[in-house]
């Protein structure tokens, strides 16, 4: 079905969004004498034809339904006088009911979305706290491991200095060095994971902000 929208006010934006989601409805045009009306601007942004002469579009045989959103009695009378037999009319009153229903649903969806967003915010704060603790622990472990590494080097030097008697001890110091190297490797992996988590959390926070912005917009009807 092809629909013609008469009136380019805020309600037109809601109707455009609603019709655009339907596979069975196509918006032929949005008509309003004011080209800068919000519904007219929104229609052009969505590649929908706009015009100023409703007669031109009502006379098109392809138009199946005319949505009159102005609420103006004279406009409604003109629409009724020009409409073709096969065309259905949705008056401003019916459109208002539809808008209110859609707006109520949008508010419910917005409340649910913002609730989920707040839950995500709480989780991201917890994760940020965990990451800070991980980074702090990495620094502490790294300091301890550096000392451990230096101790193993000193022990290796001492084992070499005392000759044969230090061979057994040299085996231990070699294992100490290997352990220290392994700890360094593990710390490096944890550090990489921490940085990746921080990047992910930034992306999540950015998404939360966009979500809140979308659902915090003023009412469109």
N, C-alpha and C. Protein backbone atom coordinates (compact mmCIF):
# COMPACT_ATOMS: atom_id res chain seq x y z
N UNK A 1 0.83 -1.20 0.00
CA UNK A 1 0.00 0.00 0.00
C UNK A 1 0.87 1.25 0.00
N UNK A 2 0.45 2.26 -0.75
CA UNK A 2 1.15 3.54 -0.80
C UNK A 2 0.39 4.56 0.03
N UNK A 3 1.12 5.26 0.90
CA UNK A 3 0.49 6.23 1.80
C UNK A 3 0.97 7.64 1.48
N UNK A 4 0.06 8.58 1.62
CA UNK A 4 0.37 10.00 1.48
C UNK A 4 0.15 10.66 2.83
N UNK A 5 1.15 11.36 3.33
CA UNK A 5 1.05 12.03 4.62
C UNK A 5 0.83 13.52 4.39
N UNK A 6 -0.28 14.02 4.93
CA UNK A 6 -0.61 15.44 4.84
C UNK A 6 -0.29 16.09 6.18
N UNK A 7 0.70 16.98 6.21
CA UNK A 7 1.12 17.62 7.46
C UNK A 7 2.52 17.18 7.82
N UNK A 8 3.40 18.14 7.98
CA UNK A 8 4.80 17.80 8.23
C UNK A 8 5.28 18.13 9.62
N UNK A 9 4.37 18.07 10.59
CA UNK A 9 4.76 18.35 11.98
C UNK A 9 5.53 17.20 12.61
N UNK A 10 5.70 17.28 13.93
CA UNK A 10 6.46 16.25 14.65
C UNK A 10 5.80 14.87 14.52
N UNK A 11 4.47 14.85 14.47
CA UNK A 11 3.77 13.57 14.37
C UNK A 11 4.14 12.84 13.10
N UNK A 12 4.46 13.60 12.04
CA UNK A 12 4.84 12.97 10.77
C UNK A 12 6.08 12.11 10.94
N UNK A 13 6.99 12.53 11.79
CA UNK A 13 8.21 11.76 12.02
C UNK A 13 7.88 10.39 12.60
N UNK A 14 6.94 10.37 13.55
CA UNK A 14 6.54 9.10 14.16
C UNK A 14 5.87 8.19 13.13
N UNK A 15 4.98 8.77 12.32
CA UNK A 15 4.29 7.99 11.30
C UNK A 15 5.28 7.47 10.27
N UNK A 16 6.24 8.29 9.88
CA UNK A 16 7.26 7.86 8.91
C UNK A 16 8.03 6.66 9.46
N UNK A 17 8.46 6.77 10.72
CA UNK A 17 9.21 5.66 11.33
C UNK A 17 8.36 4.39 11.37
N UNK A 18 7.09 4.54 11.73
CA UNK A 18 6.21 3.38 11.85
C UNK A 18 5.97 2.73 10.49
N UNK A 19 5.64 3.54 9.49
CA UNK A 19 5.38 3.01 8.15
C UNK A 19 6.65 2.42 7.52
N UNK A 20 7.78 3.03 7.80
CA UNK A 20 9.04 2.56 7.20
C UNK A 20 9.40 1.14 7.66
N UNK A 21 8.90 0.75 8.84
CA UNK A 21 9.21 -0.57 9.37
C UNK A 21 8.28 -1.65 8.82
N UNK A 22 7.26 -1.22 8.08
CA UNK A 22 6.30 -2.18 7.53
C UNK A 22 6.67 -2.54 6.09
N UNK A 23 6.64 -3.83 5.82
CA UNK A 23 6.94 -4.30 4.45
C UNK A 23 5.79 -4.05 3.49
N UNK A 24 4.61 -3.77 4.06
CA UNK A 24 3.41 -3.62 3.22
C UNK A 24 3.03 -2.16 2.97
N UNK A 25 3.80 -1.24 3.54
CA UNK A 25 3.46 0.17 3.39
C UNK A 25 4.63 0.95 2.78
N UNK A 26 4.31 1.79 1.85
CA UNK A 26 5.30 2.66 1.22
C UNK A 26 4.80 4.10 1.29
N UNK A 27 5.66 5.02 1.68
CA UNK A 27 5.26 6.42 1.77
C UNK A 27 5.48 7.09 0.42
N UNK A 28 4.39 7.48 -0.21
CA UNK A 28 4.45 8.14 -1.52
C UNK A 28 5.09 9.52 -1.39
N UNK A 29 4.64 10.28 -0.40
CA UNK A 29 5.16 11.64 -0.20
C UNK A 29 4.66 12.19 1.13
N UNK A 30 5.33 13.25 1.59
CA UNK A 30 4.87 14.03 2.74
C UNK A 30 4.60 15.44 2.22
N UNK A 31 3.40 15.96 2.51
CA UNK A 31 3.00 17.26 1.96
C UNK A 31 2.76 18.26 3.08
N UNK A 32 3.35 19.44 2.91
CA UNK A 32 3.15 20.53 3.87
C UNK A 32 3.57 21.83 3.19
N UNK A 33 2.85 22.93 3.43
CA UNK A 33 3.25 24.20 2.80
C UNK A 33 4.59 24.73 3.30
N UNK A 34 5.01 24.25 4.48
CA UNK A 34 6.29 24.68 5.06
C UNK A 34 7.36 23.63 4.80
N UNK A 35 8.29 23.95 3.92
CA UNK A 35 9.35 22.99 3.59
C UNK A 35 10.30 22.72 4.75
N UNK A 36 10.29 23.63 5.73
CA UNK A 36 11.20 23.48 6.87
C UNK A 36 10.53 22.81 8.08
N UNK A 37 9.30 22.37 7.91
CA UNK A 37 8.61 21.66 9.00
C UNK A 37 9.41 20.41 9.35
N UNK A 38 9.46 20.03 10.64
CA UNK A 38 10.30 18.90 11.07
C UNK A 38 10.02 17.60 10.32
N UNK A 39 8.74 17.33 10.03
CA UNK A 39 8.40 16.11 9.29
C UNK A 39 8.89 16.15 7.87
N UNK A 40 8.89 17.35 7.26
CA UNK A 40 9.37 17.51 5.89
C UNK A 40 10.89 17.30 5.84
N UNK A 41 11.57 17.89 6.79
CA UNK A 41 13.03 17.74 6.86
C UNK A 41 13.40 16.27 7.07
N UNK A 42 12.67 15.62 7.99
CA UNK A 42 12.92 14.21 8.31
C UNK A 42 12.66 13.32 7.10
N UNK A 43 11.61 13.66 6.34
CA UNK A 43 11.29 12.88 5.14
C UNK A 43 12.42 12.96 4.13
N UNK A 44 12.92 14.16 3.91
CA UNK A 44 14.02 14.32 2.95
C UNK A 44 15.27 13.59 3.41
N UNK A 45 15.51 13.61 4.71
CA UNK A 45 16.67 12.88 5.26
C UNK A 45 16.55 11.38 5.00
N UNK A 46 15.32 10.90 4.86
CA UNK A 46 15.07 9.47 4.62
C UNK A 46 14.71 9.19 3.17
N UNK A 47 15.06 10.14 2.30
CA UNK A 47 14.85 9.98 0.85
C UNK A 47 13.39 9.77 0.48
N UNK A 48 12.50 10.45 1.19
CA UNK A 48 11.07 10.40 0.89
C UNK A 48 10.68 11.70 0.18
N UNK A 49 9.88 11.59 -0.85
CA UNK A 49 9.44 12.75 -1.62
C UNK A 49 8.63 13.71 -0.75
N UNK A 50 8.87 15.00 -0.91
CA UNK A 50 8.08 16.01 -0.21
C UNK A 50 7.47 16.97 -1.24
N UNK A 51 6.35 17.58 -0.87
CA UNK A 51 5.71 18.53 -1.77
C UNK A 51 4.83 19.48 -1.02
N UNK A 52 4.29 20.47 -1.72
CA UNK A 52 3.44 21.49 -1.11
C UNK A 52 1.99 21.41 -1.55
N UNK A 53 1.72 20.67 -2.64
CA UNK A 53 0.37 20.59 -3.20
C UNK A 53 -0.20 19.20 -2.97
N UNK A 54 -1.13 19.08 -2.02
CA UNK A 54 -1.67 17.75 -1.71
C UNK A 54 -2.53 17.21 -2.85
N UNK A 55 -3.17 18.09 -3.59
CA UNK A 55 -4.02 17.64 -4.70
C UNK A 55 -3.22 16.84 -5.71
N UNK A 56 -2.01 17.30 -5.98
CA UNK A 56 -1.13 16.62 -6.95
C UNK A 56 -0.94 15.15 -6.58
N UNK A 57 -0.81 14.88 -5.30
CA UNK A 57 -0.52 13.51 -4.85
C UNK A 57 -1.79 12.70 -4.60
N UNK A 58 -2.84 13.36 -4.10
CA UNK A 58 -4.09 12.63 -3.86
C UNK A 58 -4.66 12.09 -5.16
N UNK A 59 -4.45 12.84 -6.24
CA UNK A 59 -4.98 12.42 -7.54
C UNK A 59 -4.21 11.24 -8.15
N UNK A 60 -3.08 10.89 -7.54
CA UNK A 60 -2.33 9.75 -8.05
C UNK A 60 -3.07 8.46 -7.71
N UNK A 61 -3.30 7.65 -8.68
CA UNK A 61 -4.05 6.40 -8.44
C UNK A 61 -3.28 5.43 -7.56
N UNK A 62 -1.96 5.64 -7.45
CA UNK A 62 -1.13 4.71 -6.66
C UNK A 62 -1.32 4.90 -5.15
N UNK A 63 -1.83 6.07 -4.75
CA UNK A 63 -2.03 6.35 -3.33
C UNK A 63 -3.24 5.58 -2.81
N UNK A 64 -3.03 4.76 -1.79
CA UNK A 64 -4.11 3.94 -1.24
C UNK A 64 -4.68 4.51 0.06
N UNK A 65 -3.82 5.20 0.81
CA UNK A 65 -4.26 5.75 2.09
C UNK A 65 -3.70 7.14 2.27
N UNK A 66 -4.55 8.05 2.73
CA UNK A 66 -4.14 9.43 2.99
C UNK A 66 -4.19 9.65 4.50
N UNK A 67 -3.06 10.03 5.06
CA UNK A 67 -2.97 10.28 6.51
C UNK A 67 -2.97 11.79 6.73
N UNK A 68 -4.06 12.29 7.28
CA UNK A 68 -4.20 13.73 7.49
C UNK A 68 -3.81 14.06 8.92
N UNK A 69 -2.68 14.76 9.09
CA UNK A 69 -2.13 15.00 10.42
C UNK A 69 -2.30 16.43 10.90
N UNK A 70 -2.85 17.30 10.07
CA UNK A 70 -2.90 18.72 10.45
C UNK A 70 -3.91 19.03 11.55
N UNK A 71 -5.00 18.26 11.57
CA UNK A 71 -6.06 18.56 12.53
C UNK A 71 -6.87 19.78 12.15
N UNK A 72 -6.62 20.30 10.96
CA UNK A 72 -7.33 21.49 10.47
C UNK A 72 -8.60 21.05 9.73
N UNK A 73 -9.75 21.58 10.16
CA UNK A 73 -11.03 21.17 9.57
C UNK A 73 -11.08 21.44 8.07
N UNK A 74 -10.56 22.58 7.65
CA UNK A 74 -10.59 22.93 6.22
C UNK A 74 -9.74 21.96 5.40
N UNK A 75 -8.59 21.63 5.96
CA UNK A 75 -7.70 20.69 5.26
C UNK A 75 -8.39 19.33 5.15
N UNK A 76 -9.01 18.89 6.25
CA UNK A 76 -9.70 17.59 6.24
C UNK A 76 -10.82 17.58 5.20
N UNK A 77 -11.58 18.67 5.13
CA UNK A 77 -12.67 18.75 4.17
C UNK A 77 -12.15 18.69 2.73
N UNK A 78 -11.02 19.36 2.47
CA UNK A 78 -10.42 19.32 1.13
C UNK A 78 -9.97 17.91 0.78
N UNK A 79 -9.37 17.25 1.76
CA UNK A 79 -8.89 15.88 1.53
C UNK A 79 -10.08 14.98 1.19
N UNK A 80 -11.16 15.11 1.97
CA UNK A 80 -12.35 14.29 1.73
C UNK A 80 -12.98 14.57 0.37
N UNK A 81 -12.92 15.83 -0.06
CA UNK A 81 -13.52 16.18 -1.35
C UNK A 81 -12.68 15.72 -2.53
N UNK A 82 -11.36 15.59 -2.31
CA UNK A 82 -10.47 15.22 -3.41
C UNK A 82 -10.15 13.74 -3.48
N UNK A 83 -10.38 13.02 -2.40
CA UNK A 83 -9.96 11.63 -2.36
C UNK A 83 -10.70 10.78 -3.39
N UNK A 84 -10.02 9.78 -3.89
CA UNK A 84 -10.62 8.87 -4.87
C UNK A 84 -11.35 7.73 -4.15
N UNK A 85 -12.27 7.07 -4.82
CA UNK A 85 -13.09 6.05 -4.18
C UNK A 85 -12.29 4.95 -3.48
N UNK A 86 -11.16 4.57 -4.05
CA UNK A 86 -10.41 3.45 -3.47
C UNK A 86 -9.51 3.88 -2.31
N UNK A 87 -9.42 5.17 -2.07
CA UNK A 87 -8.49 5.66 -1.05
C UNK A 87 -9.12 5.71 0.34
N UNK A 88 -8.36 5.25 1.33
CA UNK A 88 -8.79 5.31 2.72
C UNK A 88 -8.20 6.56 3.36
N UNK A 89 -8.89 7.08 4.39
CA UNK A 89 -8.43 8.29 5.08
C UNK A 89 -8.16 7.99 6.55
N UNK A 90 -7.00 8.39 7.03
CA UNK A 90 -6.72 8.36 8.47
C UNK A 90 -6.70 9.82 8.92
N UNK A 91 -7.66 10.18 9.76
CA UNK A 91 -7.75 11.57 10.20
C UNK A 91 -6.75 11.86 11.32
N UNK A 92 -6.65 13.14 11.65
CA UNK A 92 -5.69 13.57 12.67
C UNK A 92 -5.97 12.91 14.02
N UNK A 93 -7.27 12.73 14.33
CA UNK A 93 -7.62 12.10 15.61
C UNK A 93 -7.12 10.68 15.69
N UNK A 94 -7.35 9.92 14.62
CA UNK A 94 -6.87 8.53 14.60
C UNK A 94 -5.35 8.48 14.60
N UNK A 95 -4.76 9.42 13.87
CA UNK A 95 -3.29 9.48 13.82
C UNK A 95 -2.72 9.80 15.20
N UNK A 96 -3.41 10.68 15.93
CA UNK A 96 -2.96 11.04 17.28
C UNK A 96 -2.98 9.82 18.19
N UNK A 97 -4.05 9.02 18.10
CA UNK A 97 -4.13 7.79 18.90
C UNK A 97 -2.97 6.87 18.55
N UNK A 98 -2.71 6.74 17.25
CA UNK A 98 -1.60 5.89 16.81
C UNK A 98 -0.28 6.43 17.34
N UNK A 99 -0.10 7.75 17.25
CA UNK A 99 1.14 8.38 17.74
C UNK A 99 1.31 8.16 19.24
N UNK A 100 0.22 8.35 19.99
CA UNK A 100 0.29 8.17 21.44
C UNK A 100 0.65 6.73 21.79
N UNK A 101 0.07 5.79 21.03
CA UNK A 101 0.37 4.37 21.26
C UNK A 101 1.83 4.08 20.98
N UNK A 102 2.32 4.60 19.85
CA UNK A 102 3.72 4.38 19.48
C UNK A 102 4.66 5.05 20.47
N UNK A 103 4.27 6.26 20.92
CA UNK A 103 5.11 6.99 21.88
C UNK A 103 5.17 6.26 23.21
N UNK A 104 4.01 5.69 23.62
CA UNK A 104 3.98 4.93 24.87
C UNK A 104 4.90 3.72 24.77
N UNK A 105 4.85 3.05 23.61
CA UNK A 105 5.72 1.90 23.40
C UNK A 105 7.18 2.33 23.39
N UNK A 106 7.45 3.48 22.75
CA UNK A 106 8.82 3.98 22.69
C UNK A 106 9.36 4.29 24.08
N UNK A 107 8.48 4.88 24.92
CA UNK A 107 8.90 5.20 26.28
C UNK A 107 9.23 3.94 27.07
N UNK A 108 8.38 2.92 26.88
CA UNK A 108 8.63 1.65 27.58
C UNK A 108 9.95 1.04 27.12
N UNK A 109 10.15 1.05 25.80
CA UNK A 109 11.41 0.53 25.26
C UNK A 109 12.59 1.34 25.77
N UNK A 110 12.40 2.67 25.84
CA UNK A 110 13.48 3.54 26.31
C UNK A 110 13.81 3.25 27.76
N UNK A 111 12.78 3.09 28.58
CA UNK A 111 13.00 2.80 30.00
C UNK A 111 13.75 1.48 30.18
N UNK A 112 13.33 0.48 29.40
CA UNK A 112 14.02 -0.81 29.48
C UNK A 112 15.46 -0.71 29.01
N UNK A 113 15.65 0.04 27.91
CA UNK A 113 17.00 0.20 27.36
C UNK A 113 17.90 0.94 28.34
N UNK A 114 17.37 1.99 28.96
CA UNK A 114 18.17 2.76 29.92
C UNK A 114 18.46 1.95 31.18
N UNK A 115 17.51 1.09 31.57
CA UNK A 115 17.74 0.22 32.72
C UNK A 115 18.89 -0.74 32.43
N UNK A 116 18.86 -1.32 31.23
CA UNK A 116 19.94 -2.22 30.84
C UNK A 116 21.26 -1.46 30.76
N UNK A 117 21.19 -0.23 30.22
CA UNK A 117 22.39 0.59 30.10
C UNK A 117 22.98 0.89 31.47
N UNK A 118 22.11 1.17 32.45
CA UNK A 118 22.59 1.43 33.81
C UNK A 118 23.25 0.19 34.41
N UNK A 119 22.68 -0.97 34.11
CA UNK A 119 23.28 -2.22 34.59
C UNK A 119 24.67 -2.41 33.98
N UNK A 120 24.76 -2.10 32.67
CA UNK A 120 26.06 -2.19 32.01
C UNK A 120 27.05 -1.21 32.63
N UNK A 121 26.56 -0.01 32.97
CA UNK A 121 27.44 0.99 33.58
C UNK A 121 28.01 0.48 34.90
N UNK A 122 27.13 -0.16 35.69
CA UNK A 122 27.59 -0.73 36.95
C UNK A 122 28.65 -1.80 36.74
N UNK A 123 28.41 -2.65 35.75
CA UNK A 123 29.37 -3.72 35.45
C UNK A 123 30.69 -3.16 34.94
N UNK A 124 30.62 -2.13 34.09
CA UNK A 124 31.85 -1.56 33.56
C UNK A 124 32.66 -0.88 34.67
N UNK A 125 31.95 -0.26 35.62
CA UNK A 125 32.67 0.33 36.77
C UNK A 125 33.38 -0.75 37.57
N UNK A 126 32.69 -1.87 37.78
CA UNK A 126 33.32 -2.98 38.50
C UNK A 126 34.54 -3.50 37.74
N UNK A 127 34.37 -3.64 36.41
CA UNK A 127 35.48 -4.14 35.60
C UNK A 127 36.66 -3.18 35.61
N UNK A 128 36.37 -1.87 35.58
CA UNK A 128 37.45 -0.89 35.65
C UNK A 128 38.20 -1.01 36.98
N UNK A 129 37.44 -1.24 38.06
CA UNK A 129 38.08 -1.42 39.36
C UNK A 129 38.96 -2.66 39.37
N UNK A 130 38.45 -3.74 38.76
CA UNK A 130 39.22 -4.99 38.70
C UNK A 130 40.50 -4.79 37.88
N UNK A 131 40.36 -4.08 36.75
CA UNK A 131 41.52 -3.83 35.90
C UNK A 131 42.58 -3.03 36.65
N UNK A 132 42.13 -2.02 37.41
CA UNK A 132 43.08 -1.22 38.19
C UNK A 132 43.82 -2.10 39.19
N UNK A 133 43.06 -3.00 39.84
CA UNK A 133 43.70 -3.91 40.81
C UNK A 133 44.68 -4.86 40.11
N UNK A 134 44.28 -5.33 38.90
CA UNK A 134 45.17 -6.21 38.14
C UNK A 134 46.46 -5.48 37.77
N UNK A 135 46.32 -4.25 37.28
CA UNK A 135 47.50 -3.47 36.89
C UNK A 135 48.40 -3.18 38.08
N UNK A 136 47.76 -2.90 39.23
CA UNK A 136 48.55 -2.67 40.44
C UNK A 136 49.28 -3.94 40.86
N UNK A 137 48.59 -5.07 40.77
CA UNK A 137 49.21 -6.35 41.12
C UNK A 137 50.34 -6.70 40.16
N UNK A 138 50.13 -6.38 38.87
CA UNK A 138 51.18 -6.64 37.88
C UNK A 138 52.45 -5.89 38.25
N UNK A 139 52.29 -4.61 38.65
CA UNK A 139 53.45 -3.81 39.02
C UNK A 139 54.16 -4.40 40.24
N UNK A 140 53.36 -4.82 41.23
CA UNK A 140 53.96 -5.40 42.44
C UNK A 140 54.68 -6.71 42.15
N UNK A 141 54.03 -7.57 41.37
CA UNK A 141 54.65 -8.85 41.02
C UNK A 141 55.90 -8.62 40.18
N UNK A 142 55.82 -7.63 39.29
CA UNK A 142 56.97 -7.33 38.44
C UNK A 142 58.16 -6.87 39.27
N UNK A 143 57.90 -6.04 40.28
CA UNK A 143 58.98 -5.59 41.17
C UNK A 143 59.61 -6.77 41.90
N UNK A 144 58.74 -7.62 42.44
CA UNK A 144 59.24 -8.80 43.17
C UNK A 144 60.03 -9.70 42.23
N UNK A 145 59.54 -9.87 41.02
CA UNK A 145 60.21 -10.75 40.06
C UNK A 145 61.57 -10.17 39.64
N UNK A 146 61.64 -8.85 39.52
CA UNK A 146 62.93 -8.22 39.20
C UNK A 146 63.95 -8.49 40.30
N UNK A 147 63.48 -8.38 41.54
CA UNK A 147 64.38 -8.69 42.66
C UNK A 147 64.79 -10.15 42.65
N UNK A 148 63.81 -11.01 42.35
CA UNK A 148 64.08 -12.45 42.27
C UNK A 148 65.10 -12.74 41.17
N UNK A 149 64.95 -12.03 40.04
CA UNK A 149 65.86 -12.21 38.91
C UNK A 149 67.28 -11.78 39.28
N UNK A 150 67.36 -10.62 39.95
CA UNK A 150 68.68 -10.14 40.37
C UNK A 150 69.32 -11.09 41.37
N UNK A 151 68.51 -11.65 42.27
CA UNK A 151 69.03 -12.60 43.25
C UNK A 151 69.58 -13.85 42.57
N UNK A 152 68.85 -14.33 41.53
CA UNK A 152 69.32 -15.52 40.82
C UNK A 152 70.62 -15.24 40.07
N UNK A 153 70.76 -14.01 39.54
CA UNK A 153 72.01 -13.65 38.85
C UNK A 153 73.17 -13.62 39.83
N UNK A 154 72.92 -13.01 40.99
CA UNK A 154 73.97 -12.96 42.01
C UNK A 154 74.35 -14.36 42.47
N UNK A 155 73.32 -15.21 42.60
CA UNK A 155 73.59 -16.58 43.04
C UNK A 155 74.40 -17.33 41.98
N UNK A 156 74.12 -17.06 40.71
CA UNK A 156 74.86 -17.70 39.61
C UNK A 156 76.33 -17.29 39.66
N UNK A 157 76.54 -16.00 39.90
CA UNK A 157 77.93 -15.50 39.99
C UNK A 157 78.66 -16.17 41.14
N UNK A 158 77.99 -16.26 42.28
CA UNK A 158 78.61 -16.88 43.45
C UNK A 158 78.88 -18.36 43.21
N UNK A 159 77.94 -19.04 42.54
CA UNK A 159 78.13 -20.47 42.26
C UNK A 159 79.33 -20.68 41.35
N UNK A 160 79.51 -19.78 40.38
CA UNK A 160 80.66 -19.89 39.47
C UNK A 160 81.95 -19.59 40.20
N UNK A 161 81.89 -18.69 41.17
CA UNK A 161 83.11 -18.28 41.89
C UNK A 161 83.66 -19.39 42.76
N UNK A 162 82.75 -20.19 43.33
CA UNK A 162 83.25 -21.23 44.25
C UNK A 162 83.55 -22.55 43.55
N UNK A 163 83.38 -22.57 42.22
CA UNK A 163 83.84 -23.73 41.45
C UNK A 163 82.97 -24.96 41.60
N UNK A 164 83.65 -26.14 41.77
CA UNK A 164 82.95 -27.43 41.81
C UNK A 164 81.88 -27.47 42.89
N UNK A 165 82.20 -26.87 44.02
CA UNK A 165 81.26 -26.92 45.13
C UNK A 165 79.94 -26.20 44.80
N UNK A 166 80.00 -25.33 43.79
CA UNK A 166 78.80 -24.56 43.46
C UNK A 166 77.99 -25.14 42.33
N UNK A 167 78.42 -26.32 41.78
CA UNK A 167 77.70 -26.88 40.63
C UNK A 167 76.24 -27.20 40.95
N UNK A 168 76.04 -27.82 42.09
CA UNK A 168 74.65 -28.17 42.47
C UNK A 168 73.82 -26.92 42.66
N UNK A 169 74.46 -25.94 43.26
CA UNK A 169 73.75 -24.69 43.50
C UNK A 169 73.45 -23.98 42.18
N UNK A 170 74.35 -24.16 41.19
CA UNK A 170 74.17 -23.54 39.88
C UNK A 170 72.91 -24.07 39.19
N UNK A 171 72.63 -25.36 39.41
CA UNK A 171 71.41 -25.94 38.84
C UNK A 171 70.18 -25.24 39.38
N UNK A 172 70.21 -24.96 40.68
CA UNK A 172 69.08 -24.28 41.32
C UNK A 172 68.93 -22.86 40.78
N UNK A 173 70.06 -22.15 40.65
CA UNK A 173 69.98 -20.77 40.16
C UNK A 173 69.49 -20.72 38.71
N UNK A 174 69.85 -21.76 37.95
CA UNK A 174 69.38 -21.82 36.56
C UNK A 174 67.86 -21.97 36.52
N UNK A 175 67.35 -22.80 37.40
CA UNK A 175 65.90 -22.99 37.49
C UNK A 175 65.21 -21.71 37.97
N UNK A 176 65.90 -21.00 38.87
CA UNK A 176 65.37 -19.73 39.35
C UNK A 176 65.24 -18.73 38.20
N UNK A 177 66.25 -18.71 37.32
CA UNK A 177 66.23 -17.80 36.18
C UNK A 177 65.08 -18.16 35.22
N UNK A 178 64.92 -19.47 34.98
CA UNK A 178 63.84 -19.92 34.10
C UNK A 178 62.48 -19.52 34.67
N UNK A 179 62.35 -19.69 35.98
CA UNK A 179 61.10 -19.33 36.64
C UNK A 179 60.83 -17.83 36.50
N UNK A 180 61.89 -17.04 36.69
CA UNK A 180 61.75 -15.60 36.55
C UNK A 180 61.34 -15.21 35.13
N UNK A 181 61.93 -15.86 34.13
CA UNK A 181 61.57 -15.59 32.73
C UNK A 181 60.12 -15.97 32.45
N UNK A 182 59.70 -17.09 33.02
CA UNK A 182 58.31 -17.52 32.84
C UNK A 182 57.33 -16.53 33.46
N UNK A 183 57.69 -16.02 34.63
CA UNK A 183 56.84 -15.03 35.29
C UNK A 183 56.72 -13.78 34.43
N UNK A 184 57.85 -13.35 33.85
CA UNK A 184 57.83 -12.19 32.95
C UNK A 184 56.88 -12.42 31.77
N UNK A 185 56.92 -13.63 31.22
CA UNK A 185 56.07 -13.96 30.08
C UNK A 185 54.59 -13.91 30.48
N UNK A 186 54.29 -14.48 31.63
CA UNK A 186 52.92 -14.49 32.11
C UNK A 186 52.43 -13.06 32.38
N UNK A 187 53.28 -12.25 32.99
CA UNK A 187 52.92 -10.87 33.27
C UNK A 187 52.64 -10.10 31.98
N UNK A 188 53.45 -10.39 30.96
CA UNK A 188 53.25 -9.74 29.67
C UNK A 188 51.90 -10.09 29.07
N UNK A 189 51.52 -11.38 29.20
CA UNK A 189 50.21 -11.81 28.70
C UNK A 189 49.07 -11.16 29.45
N UNK A 190 49.23 -11.06 30.78
CA UNK A 190 48.19 -10.42 31.59
C UNK A 190 48.07 -8.95 31.25
N UNK A 191 49.21 -8.29 31.03
CA UNK A 191 49.20 -6.88 30.66
C UNK A 191 48.49 -6.66 29.33
N UNK A 192 48.75 -7.53 28.36
CA UNK A 192 48.08 -7.43 27.06
C UNK A 192 46.57 -7.61 27.21
N UNK A 193 46.20 -8.60 28.02
CA UNK A 193 44.77 -8.86 28.25
C UNK A 193 44.11 -7.67 28.93
N UNK A 194 44.83 -7.06 29.87
CA UNK A 194 44.30 -5.90 30.58
C UNK A 194 44.06 -4.74 29.62
N UNK A 195 45.01 -4.52 28.70
CA UNK A 195 44.86 -3.43 27.73
C UNK A 195 43.69 -3.70 26.77
N UNK A 196 43.53 -4.97 26.39
CA UNK A 196 42.41 -5.32 25.51
C UNK A 196 41.08 -5.12 26.23
N UNK A 197 41.03 -5.46 27.51
CA UNK A 197 39.81 -5.26 28.29
C UNK A 197 39.48 -3.78 28.40
N UNK A 198 40.50 -2.95 28.56
CA UNK A 198 40.27 -1.51 28.65
C UNK A 198 39.68 -0.97 27.35
N UNK A 199 40.19 -1.47 26.22
CA UNK A 199 39.66 -1.05 24.91
C UNK A 199 38.21 -1.46 24.76
N UNK A 200 37.90 -2.69 25.15
CA UNK A 200 36.53 -3.20 25.07
C UNK A 200 35.59 -2.37 25.96
N UNK A 201 36.05 -2.05 27.15
CA UNK A 201 35.22 -1.27 28.07
C UNK A 201 34.97 0.14 27.54
N UNK A 202 35.97 0.72 26.88
CA UNK A 202 35.76 2.04 26.27
C UNK A 202 34.70 1.97 25.18
N UNK A 203 34.74 0.89 24.39
CA UNK A 203 33.73 0.72 23.33
C UNK A 203 32.34 0.53 23.93
N UNK A 204 32.27 -0.24 25.02
CA UNK A 204 30.98 -0.47 25.69
C UNK A 204 30.44 0.85 26.24
N UNK A 205 31.31 1.63 26.87
CA UNK A 205 30.90 2.92 27.43
C UNK A 205 30.40 3.85 26.33
N UNK A 206 31.10 3.84 25.20
CA UNK A 206 30.69 4.68 24.06
C UNK A 206 29.31 4.26 23.55
N UNK A 207 29.08 2.94 23.49
CA UNK A 207 27.78 2.43 23.06
C UNK A 207 26.69 2.82 24.04
N UNK A 208 26.98 2.74 25.33
CA UNK A 208 26.02 3.14 26.36
C UNK A 208 25.62 4.59 26.18
N UNK A 209 26.61 5.45 25.94
CA UNK A 209 26.33 6.88 25.77
C UNK A 209 25.42 7.13 24.57
N UNK A 210 25.71 6.41 23.46
CA UNK A 210 24.88 6.58 22.27
C UNK A 210 23.46 6.07 22.52
N UNK A 211 23.35 4.96 23.25
CA UNK A 211 22.04 4.39 23.57
C UNK A 211 21.22 5.36 24.40
N UNK A 212 21.85 5.95 25.41
CA UNK A 212 21.14 6.91 26.27
C UNK A 212 20.73 8.14 25.47
N UNK A 213 21.59 8.57 24.56
CA UNK A 213 21.29 9.75 23.75
C UNK A 213 20.06 9.50 22.87
N UNK A 214 20.00 8.30 22.30
CA UNK A 214 18.88 7.97 21.41
C UNK A 214 17.57 7.95 22.17
N UNK A 215 17.57 7.32 23.34
CA UNK A 215 16.32 7.15 24.07
C UNK A 215 16.01 8.29 25.03
N UNK A 216 16.85 9.32 25.04
CA UNK A 216 16.59 10.48 25.88
C UNK A 216 16.08 11.66 25.08
N UNK A 217 15.80 11.42 23.78
CA UNK A 217 15.30 12.49 22.93
C UNK A 217 13.90 12.91 23.37
N UNK A 218 13.54 14.14 23.01
CA UNK A 218 12.21 14.63 23.34
C UNK A 218 11.15 13.84 22.59
N UNK A 219 9.91 13.88 23.09
CA UNK A 219 8.81 13.20 22.42
C UNK A 219 8.63 13.79 21.03
N UNK A 220 8.30 12.94 20.07
CA UNK A 220 8.15 13.38 18.69
C UNK A 220 6.70 13.66 18.32
N UNK A 221 5.72 13.24 19.08
CA UNK A 221 4.31 13.49 18.76
C UNK A 221 3.84 14.77 19.41
